[in-house]
């Protein structure tokens, strides 16, 4: 579940090495795993619980004091 960062004109994007055509849309909040950015297919394939995920679009669209 390694990821690579790509800079595009839209900004910083994370792309999954396991699924190169799928953007990484989730941050994995479990501190035990070294892979903290995941694509939807990795979330599904590795049965990551939704309670341990936060959407990157949510983080980017909210103000710092709103994320708990």
PDB file of N, CA and C in Angstrom:
ATOM      1  N   UNK A   1       0.816  -1.189   0.000  1.00  0.00           N
ATOM      2  CA  UNK A   1       0.000   0.000   0.000  1.00  0.00           C
ATOM      3  C   UNK A   1       0.864   1.258   0.000  1.00  0.00           C
ATOM      4  N   UNK A   2       1.869   1.310  -0.815  1.00  0.00           N
ATOM      5  CA  UNK A   2       2.683   2.523  -0.906  1.00  0.00           C
ATOM      6  C   UNK A   2       1.991   3.534  -1.795  1.00  0.00           C
ATOM      7  N   UNK A   3       2.253   4.797  -1.537  1.00  0.00           N
ATOM      8  CA  UNK A   3       1.687   5.849  -2.363  1.00  0.00           C
ATOM      9  C   UNK A   3       2.799   6.729  -2.903  1.00  0.00           C
ATOM     10  N   UNK A   4       2.503   7.383  -4.016  1.00  0.00           N
ATOM     11  CA  UNK A   4       3.427   8.367  -4.561  1.00  0.00           C
ATOM     12  C   UNK A   4       2.692   9.699  -4.653  1.00  0.00           C
ATOM     13  N   UNK A   5       3.440  10.784  -4.479  1.00  0.00           N
ATOM     14  CA  UNK A   5       2.843  12.110  -4.585  1.00  0.00           C
ATOM     15  C   UNK A   5       3.083  12.624  -5.993  1.00  0.00           C
ATOM     16  N   UNK A   6       2.087  13.272  -6.546  1.00  0.00           N
ATOM     17  CA  UNK A   6       2.209  13.873  -7.867  1.00  0.00           C
ATOM     18  C   UNK A   6       1.691  15.293  -7.764  1.00  0.00           C
ATOM     19  N   UNK A   7       2.426  16.248  -8.322  1.00  0.00           N
ATOM     20  CA  UNK A   7       1.961  17.627  -8.362  1.00  0.00           C
ATOM     21  C   UNK A   7       1.314  17.857  -9.718  1.00  0.00           C
ATOM     22  N   UNK A   8       0.105  18.304  -9.717  1.00  0.00           N
ATOM     23  CA  UNK A   8      -0.584  18.641 -10.956  1.00  0.00           C
ATOM     24  C   UNK A   8      -1.051  20.082 -10.861  1.00  0.00           C
ATOM     25  N   UNK A   9      -1.666  20.574 -11.928  1.00  0.00           N
ATOM     26  CA  UNK A   9      -2.109  21.960 -11.848  1.00  0.00           C
ATOM     27  C   UNK A   9      -3.242  22.153 -10.861  1.00  0.00           C
ATOM     28  N   UNK A  10      -3.915  21.094 -10.452  1.00  0.00           N
ATOM     29  CA  UNK A  10      -4.941  21.203  -9.427  1.00  0.00           C
ATOM     30  C   UNK A  10      -4.330  21.236  -8.027  1.00  0.00           C
ATOM     31  N   UNK A  11      -3.080  20.881  -7.885  1.00  0.00           N
ATOM     32  CA  UNK A  11      -2.439  20.863  -6.574  1.00  0.00           C
ATOM     33  C   UNK A  11      -1.822  19.509  -6.289  1.00  0.00           C
ATOM     34  N   UNK A  12      -1.580  19.245  -5.023  1.00  0.00           N
ATOM     35  CA  UNK A  12      -0.945  17.996  -4.608  1.00  0.00           C
ATOM     36  C   UNK A  12      -1.954  16.864  -4.672  1.00  0.00           C
ATOM     37  N   UNK A  13      -1.597  15.792  -5.360  1.00  0.00           N
ATOM     38  CA  UNK A  13      -2.459  14.615  -5.445  1.00  0.00           C
ATOM     39  C   UNK A  13      -1.648  13.417  -4.999  1.00  0.00           C
ATOM     40  N   UNK A  14      -2.301  12.496  -4.366  1.00  0.00           N
ATOM     41  CA  UNK A  14      -1.669  11.245  -3.975  1.00  0.00           C
ATOM     42  C   UNK A  14      -2.233  10.162  -4.864  1.00  0.00           C
ATOM     43  N   UNK A  15      -1.354   9.339  -5.415  1.00  0.00           N
ATOM     44  CA  UNK A  15      -1.796   8.228  -6.261  1.00  0.00           C
ATOM     45  C   UNK A  15      -1.290   6.934  -5.647  1.00  0.00           C
ATOM     46  N   UNK A  16      -2.115   5.935  -5.692  1.00  0.00           N
ATOM     47  CA  UNK A  16      -1.801   4.645  -5.096  1.00  0.00           C
ATOM     48  C   UNK A  16      -0.895   3.838  -6.023  1.00  0.00           C
ATOM     49  N   UNK A  17       0.158   3.241  -5.485  1.00  0.00           N
ATOM     50  CA  UNK A  17       1.028   2.376  -6.300  1.00  0.00           C
ATOM     51  C   UNK A  17       0.360   1.050  -6.609  1.00  0.00           C
ATOM     52  N   UNK A  18      -0.457   0.591  -5.693  1.00  0.00           N
ATOM     53  CA  UNK A  18      -1.152  -0.672  -5.903  1.00  0.00           C
ATOM     54  C   UNK A  18      -2.245  -0.521  -6.968  1.00  0.00           C
ATOM     55  N   UNK A  19      -2.855   0.652  -7.020  1.00  0.00           N
ATOM     56  CA  UNK A  19      -3.918   0.965  -7.986  1.00  0.00           C
ATOM     57  C   UNK A  19      -3.580   2.322  -8.620  1.00  0.00           C
ATOM     58  N   UNK A  20      -2.658   2.366  -9.588  1.00  0.00           N
ATOM     59  CA  UNK A  20      -2.109   3.634 -10.083  1.00  0.00           C
ATOM     60  C   UNK A  20      -3.118   4.589 -10.717  1.00  0.00           C
ATOM     61  N   UNK A  21      -4.248   4.100 -11.156  1.00  0.00           N
ATOM     62  CA  UNK A  21      -5.239   4.984 -11.765  1.00  0.00           C
ATOM     63  C   UNK A  21      -6.275   5.491 -10.769  1.00  0.00           C
ATOM     64  N   UNK A  22      -6.074   5.167  -9.495  1.00  0.00           N
ATOM     65  CA  UNK A  22      -7.033   5.561  -8.465  1.00  0.00           C
ATOM     66  C   UNK A  22      -6.367   6.558  -7.516  1.00  0.00           C
ATOM     67  N   UNK A  23      -6.965   7.741  -7.337  1.00  0.00           N
ATOM     68  CA  UNK A  23      -6.378   8.699  -6.389  1.00  0.00           C
ATOM     69  C   UNK A  23      -6.611   8.246  -4.952  1.00  0.00           C
ATOM     70  N   UNK A  24      -5.716   8.617  -4.077  1.00  0.00           N
ATOM     71  CA  UNK A  24      -5.878   8.327  -2.657  1.00  0.00           C
ATOM     72  C   UNK A  24      -6.784   9.397  -2.067  1.00  0.00           C
ATOM     73  N   UNK A  25      -7.895   8.978  -1.532  1.00  0.00           N
ATOM     74  CA  UNK A  25      -8.903   9.912  -1.039  1.00  0.00           C
ATOM     75  C   UNK A  25      -9.099   9.869   0.460  1.00  0.00           C
ATOM     76  N   UNK A  26      -8.377   9.005   1.160  1.00  0.00           N
ATOM     77  CA  UNK A  26      -8.615   8.837   2.587  1.00  0.00           C
ATOM     78  C   UNK A  26      -7.325   8.913   3.376  1.00  0.00           C
ATOM     79  N   UNK A  27      -7.435   9.433   4.583  1.00  0.00           N
ATOM     80  CA  UNK A  27      -6.339   9.427   5.540  1.00  0.00           C
ATOM     81  C   UNK A  27      -6.693   8.385   6.596  1.00  0.00           C
ATOM     82  N   UNK A  28      -5.785   7.460   6.798  1.00  0.00           N
ATOM     83  CA  UNK A  28      -5.978   6.389   7.767  1.00  0.00           C
ATOM     84  C   UNK A  28      -5.522   6.899   9.121  1.00  0.00           C
ATOM     85  N   UNK A  29      -6.392   6.918  10.091  1.00  0.00           N
ATOM     86  CA  UNK A  29      -6.131   7.541  11.383  1.00  0.00           C
ATOM     87  C   UNK A  29      -5.542   6.617  12.434  1.00  0.00           C
ATOM     88  N   UNK A  30      -5.341   5.358  12.119  1.00  0.00           N
ATOM     89  CA  UNK A  30      -4.755   4.415  13.067  1.00  0.00           C
ATOM     90  C   UNK A  30      -3.246   4.592  13.064  1.00  0.00           C
ATOM     91  N   UNK A  31      -2.689   5.048  14.160  1.00  0.00           N
ATOM     92  CA  UNK A  31      -1.269   5.349  14.247  1.00  0.00           C
ATOM     93  C   UNK A  31      -0.345   4.153  14.132  1.00  0.00           C
ATOM     94  N   UNK A  32      -0.868   2.948  14.156  1.00  0.00           N
ATOM     95  CA  UNK A  32      -0.041   1.753  14.087  1.00  0.00           C
ATOM     96  C   UNK A  32       0.466   1.471  12.672  1.00  0.00           C
ATOM     97  N   UNK A  33      -0.245   1.917  11.666  1.00  0.00           N
ATOM     98  CA  UNK A  33       0.096   1.603  10.275  1.00  0.00           C
ATOM     99  C   UNK A  33       0.937   2.721   9.683  1.00  0.00           C
ATOM    100  N   UNK A  34       2.024   2.371   9.003  1.00  0.00           N
ATOM    101  CA  UNK A  34       2.873   3.410   8.413  1.00  0.00           C
ATOM    102  C   UNK A  34       2.261   4.022   7.159  1.00  0.00           C
ATOM    103  N   UNK A  35       1.271   3.389   6.580  1.00  0.00           N
ATOM    104  CA  UNK A  35       0.615   3.921   5.394  1.00  0.00           C
ATOM    105  C   UNK A  35      -0.621   4.697   5.830  1.00  0.00           C
ATOM    106  N   UNK A  36      -0.553   5.993   5.741  1.00  0.00           N
ATOM    107  CA  UNK A  36      -1.659   6.769   6.287  1.00  0.00           C
ATOM    108  C   UNK A  36      -2.555   7.364   5.203  1.00  0.00           C
ATOM    109  N   UNK A  37      -2.214   7.232   3.927  1.00  0.00           N
ATOM    110  CA  UNK A  37      -3.029   7.758   2.842  1.00  0.00           C
ATOM    111  C   UNK A  37      -3.434   6.583   1.957  1.00  0.00           C
ATOM    112  N   UNK A  38      -4.757   6.401   1.764  1.00  0.00           N
ATOM    113  CA  UNK A  38      -5.266   5.223   1.069  1.00  0.00           C
ATOM    114  C   UNK A  38      -6.254   5.583  -0.032  1.00  0.00           C
ATOM    115  N   UNK A  39      -6.301   4.749  -1.059  1.00  0.00           N
ATOM    116  CA  UNK A  39      -7.335   4.880  -2.087  1.00  0.00           C
ATOM    117  C   UNK A  39      -8.540   4.039  -1.665  1.00  0.00           C
ATOM    118  N   UNK A  40      -9.662   4.227  -2.331  1.00  0.00           N
ATOM    119  CA  UNK A  40     -10.874   3.499  -1.990  1.00  0.00           C
ATOM    120  C   UNK A  40     -10.703   1.992  -2.161  1.00  0.00           C
ATOM    121  N   UNK A  41     -10.002   1.568  -3.210  1.00  0.00           N
ATOM    122  CA  UNK A  41      -9.805   0.140  -3.429  1.00  0.00           C
ATOM    123  C   UNK A  41      -8.976  -0.493  -2.311  1.00  0.00           C
ATOM    124  N   UNK A  42      -7.958   0.206  -1.838  1.00  0.00           N
ATOM    125  CA  UNK A  42      -7.164  -0.309  -0.711  1.00  0.00           C
ATOM    126  C   UNK A  42      -8.015  -0.408   0.548  1.00  0.00           C
ATOM    127  N   UNK A  43      -8.859   0.593   0.776  1.00  0.00           N
ATOM    128  CA  UNK A  43      -9.751   0.563   1.937  1.00  0.00           C
ATOM    129  C   UNK A  43     -10.636  -0.672   1.871  1.00  0.00           C
ATOM    130  N   UNK A  44     -11.196  -0.931   0.706  1.00  0.00           N
ATOM    131  CA  UNK A  44     -12.074  -2.083   0.548  1.00  0.00           C
ATOM    132  C   UNK A  44     -11.301  -3.397   0.625  1.00  0.00           C
ATOM    133  N   UNK A  45     -10.188  -3.494  -0.077  1.00  0.00           N
ATOM    134  CA  UNK A  45      -9.414  -4.737  -0.129  1.00  0.00           C
ATOM    135  C   UNK A  45      -8.820  -5.133   1.222  1.00  0.00           C
ATOM    136  N   UNK A  46      -8.469  -4.146   2.035  1.00  0.00           N
ATOM    137  CA  UNK A  46      -7.839  -4.416   3.331  1.00  0.00           C
ATOM    138  C   UNK A  46      -8.829  -4.307   4.482  1.00  0.00           C
ATOM    139  N   UNK A  47     -10.112  -4.159   4.150  1.00  0.00           N
ATOM    140  CA  UNK A  47     -11.188  -4.080   5.157  1.00  0.00           C
ATOM    141  C   UNK A  47     -10.893  -3.079   6.263  1.00  0.00           C
ATOM    142  N   UNK A  48     -10.506  -1.866   5.862  1.00  0.00           N
ATOM    143  CA  UNK A  48     -10.217  -0.802   6.820  1.00  0.00           C
ATOM    144  C   UNK A  48     -11.553  -0.282   7.372  1.00  0.00           C
ATOM    145  N   UNK A  49     -11.732  -0.235   8.686  1.00  0.00           N
ATOM    146  CA  UNK A  49     -12.991   0.265   9.244  1.00  0.00           C
ATOM    147  C   UNK A  49     -13.165   1.756   8.972  1.00  0.00           C
ATOM    148  N   UNK A  50     -14.371   2.137   8.628  1.00  0.00           N
ATOM    149  CA  UNK A  50     -14.681   3.533   8.312  1.00  0.00           C
ATOM    150  C   UNK A  50     -14.372   4.447   9.491  1.00  0.00           C
ATOM    151  N   UNK A  51     -14.489   3.940  10.690  1.00  0.00           N
ATOM    152  CA  UNK A  51     -14.216   4.752  11.879  1.00  0.00           C
ATOM    153  C   UNK A  51     -12.753   5.190  11.966  1.00  0.00           C
ATOM    154  N   UNK A  52     -11.863   4.547  11.202  1.00  0.00           N
ATOM    155  CA  UNK A  52     -10.440   4.907  11.204  1.00  0.00           C
ATOM    156  C   UNK A  52     -10.048   5.761  10.011  1.00  0.00           C
ATOM    157  N   UNK A  53     -11.025   6.278   9.263  1.00  0.00           N
ATOM    158  CA  UNK A  53     -10.743   7.044   8.057  1.00  0.00           C
ATOM    159  C   UNK A  53     -11.331   8.440   8.131  1.00  0.00           C
ATOM    160  N   UNK A  54     -10.662   9.359   7.450  1.00  0.00           N
ATOM    161  CA  UNK A  54     -11.222  10.682   7.231  1.00  0.00           C
ATOM    162  C   UNK A  54     -10.970  11.018   5.760  1.00  0.00           C
ATOM    163  N   UNK A  55     -11.939  11.604   5.137  1.00  0.00           N
ATOM    164  CA  UNK A  55     -11.819  11.925   3.715  1.00  0.00           C
ATOM    165  C   UNK A  55     -10.912  13.141   3.526  1.00  0.00           C
ATOM    166  N   UNK A  56     -10.023  13.074   2.542  1.00  0.00           N
ATOM    167  CA  UNK A  56      -9.127  14.189   2.250  1.00  0.00           C
ATOM    168  C   UNK A  56      -9.921  15.416   1.809  1.00  0.00           C
ATOM    169  N   UNK A  57     -10.998  15.212   1.070  1.00  0.00           N
ATOM    170  CA  UNK A  57     -11.809  16.355   0.628  1.00  0.00           C
ATOM    171  C   UNK A  57     -12.452  17.054   1.825  1.00  0.00           C
ATOM    172  N   UNK A  58     -12.835  16.292   2.847  1.00  0.00           N
ATOM    173  CA  UNK A  58     -13.376  16.891   4.066  1.00  0.00           C
ATOM    174  C   UNK A  58     -12.323  17.754   4.746  1.00  0.00           C
ATOM    175  N   UNK A  59     -11.126  17.224   4.870  1.00  0.00           N
ATOM    176  CA  UNK A  59     -10.046  17.968   5.516  1.00  0.00           C
ATOM    177  C   UNK A  59      -9.737  19.244   4.739  1.00  0.00           C
ATOM    178  N   UNK A  60      -9.680  19.156   3.431  1.00  0.00           N
ATOM    179  CA  UNK A  60      -9.349  20.321   2.609  1.00  0.00           C
ATOM    180  C   UNK A  60     -10.462  21.365   2.582  1.00  0.00           C
ATOM    181  N   UNK A  61     -11.698  20.942   2.811  1.00  0.00           N
ATOM    182  CA  UNK A  61     -12.813  21.876   2.722  1.00  0.00           C
ATOM    183  C   UNK A  61     -13.223  22.495   4.062  1.00  0.00           C
ATOM    184  N   UNK A  62     -12.642  22.031   5.151  1.00  0.00           N
ATOM    185  CA  UNK A  62     -13.026  22.549   6.464  1.00  0.00           C
ATOM    186  C   UNK A  62     -11.941  23.435   7.031  1.00  0.00           C
ATOM    187  N   UNK A  63     -12.336  24.217   8.003  1.00  0.00           N
ATOM    188  CA  UNK A  63     -11.378  25.067   8.693  1.00  0.00           C
ATOM    189  C   UNK A  63     -10.733  24.265   9.811  1.00  0.00           C
ATOM    190  N   UNK A  64      -9.534  24.640  10.168  1.00  0.00           N
ATOM    191  CA  UNK A  64      -8.755  23.888  11.147  1.00  0.00           C
ATOM    192  C   UNK A  64      -9.522  23.635  12.443  1.00  0.00           C
ATOM    193  N   UNK A  65     -10.254  24.613  12.948  1.00  0.00           N
ATOM    194  CA  UNK A  65     -10.942  24.452  14.234  1.00  0.00           C
ATOM    195  C   UNK A  65     -12.182  23.560  14.130  1.00  0.00           C
ATOM    196  N   UNK A  66     -12.627  23.204  12.926  1.00  0.00           N
ATOM    197  CA  UNK A  66     -13.814  22.377  12.767  1.00  0.00           C
ATOM    198  C   UNK A  66     -13.512  20.883  12.798  1.00  0.00           C
ATOM    199  N   UNK A  67     -12.276  20.466  12.636  1.00  0.00           N
ATOM    200  CA  UNK A  67     -11.919  19.053  12.606  1.00  0.00           C
ATOM    201  C   UNK A  67     -11.625  18.591  14.021  1.00  0.00           C
ATOM    202  N   UNK A  68     -12.396  17.630  14.472  1.00  0.00           N
ATOM    203  CA  UNK A  68     -12.225  17.130  15.845  1.00  0.00           C
ATOM    204  C   UNK A  68     -11.667  15.743  15.837  1.00  0.00           C
TER     205      UNK A  68
END
